Amino acid sequence: MSESEKNTFLGYGGGERTRRFKFGELTIEGFSRAPIKSFWRIPELKLGFDLGWQPWEHMGTPRWFITHTHMDHILALPAYAARRQMMDMSTPTVFLPAQRVGEAQALLTAFTRLDNGRLPCRFVGVMPGDEIELSRELVVTVLKTYHSVPSVGYIVWERRKKLKEEYLSLSGPQIRDLKESGVEITYEIRFPRVAYLGDTTARALDETPDVYRADVLITEMTFVSPDVTAEMLKTAGHTHLDDFVRRQDRFENKLIIAGHFSARYTNQEINARVRAAFPDMLGGRLNLWL
């Protein structure tokens, strides 16, 4: 991994570090530790995932995708809306599970009364299978995840238009004429760029194979110790290090960021257990967000 792709620390927020990782043309910023806070931002895509914290410099991002409404994933929502209002920015758009839109709006309404100021925010409820068009080049799909409250995950796709094979031999003017006559001369291809799971059991991985193909996978790995049972994982709605060991041959991702480790573990213990399981860190692709 090149020097430009190594991570750096941006400072401290709420007692925990905000990290930045350069990976090709993408910058991944944020931090995640259960049950303290989870927040991520990819400025080049003009979007973020989860709002467990809101660094001042993140308020310029106009779209946020919330996986679920546990406090460590949504606590900073009022601060985000308030800062954009204070700085005369446009109304932000926040996507979240459809079952929780009413409660999220009620939260901002309560803070509006407490703060005696407006907190404009556009909420969009989503369900697994939904598609959200961000631009001509980018679309987000919503995944089903398995947690203790309604939850979803997201994949950001890059899409491109390709000329259909039967038209490859035509000249420029011929292609133009066909297009102007209304003939569909292209087809769409998609590339999964970033997959974000939020909190979930490993079932979400297996039910959405595209997660394994994304250039960047941001995933939780809440538990790493052997004292956690399968029943505990199912009840809590989380993954274990062993879930990744059993699936290690399936990960085609160029970068895998694992975070949301339980606060019961020290960074030293997490490092030791993960590196014992993956001595080469999946060929250097596995990055622990500590």
Foldseek 3Di string as FASTA:
>chain_A
DDPQQDKDWPDDDPRDTWIWGDDPPWIWIWAAAPPQATKIDTVVLLEIEFPLDDDPVNLSRQEYEYFADDNRRHVCLQVSQVSCVVVVHDAGEYEYAQVCPVVVVVVNVVVCVVVVHDRGHHYDHDDAQDKADDDPFKIKGWFAFAAQGGGIKIWIKGKDKDFDPVCPPPDPVVVVVCVVVPHDGIDMDIAGAEIEGPFAECVRCVVDLSLLRHQEYEFEAAEEDPVQDPVNCNNGGHYHLVSCLVCVVSRPHQAYEYHRYYPVDDPVVVVVRNCVSPVCCSVPRYDYRD
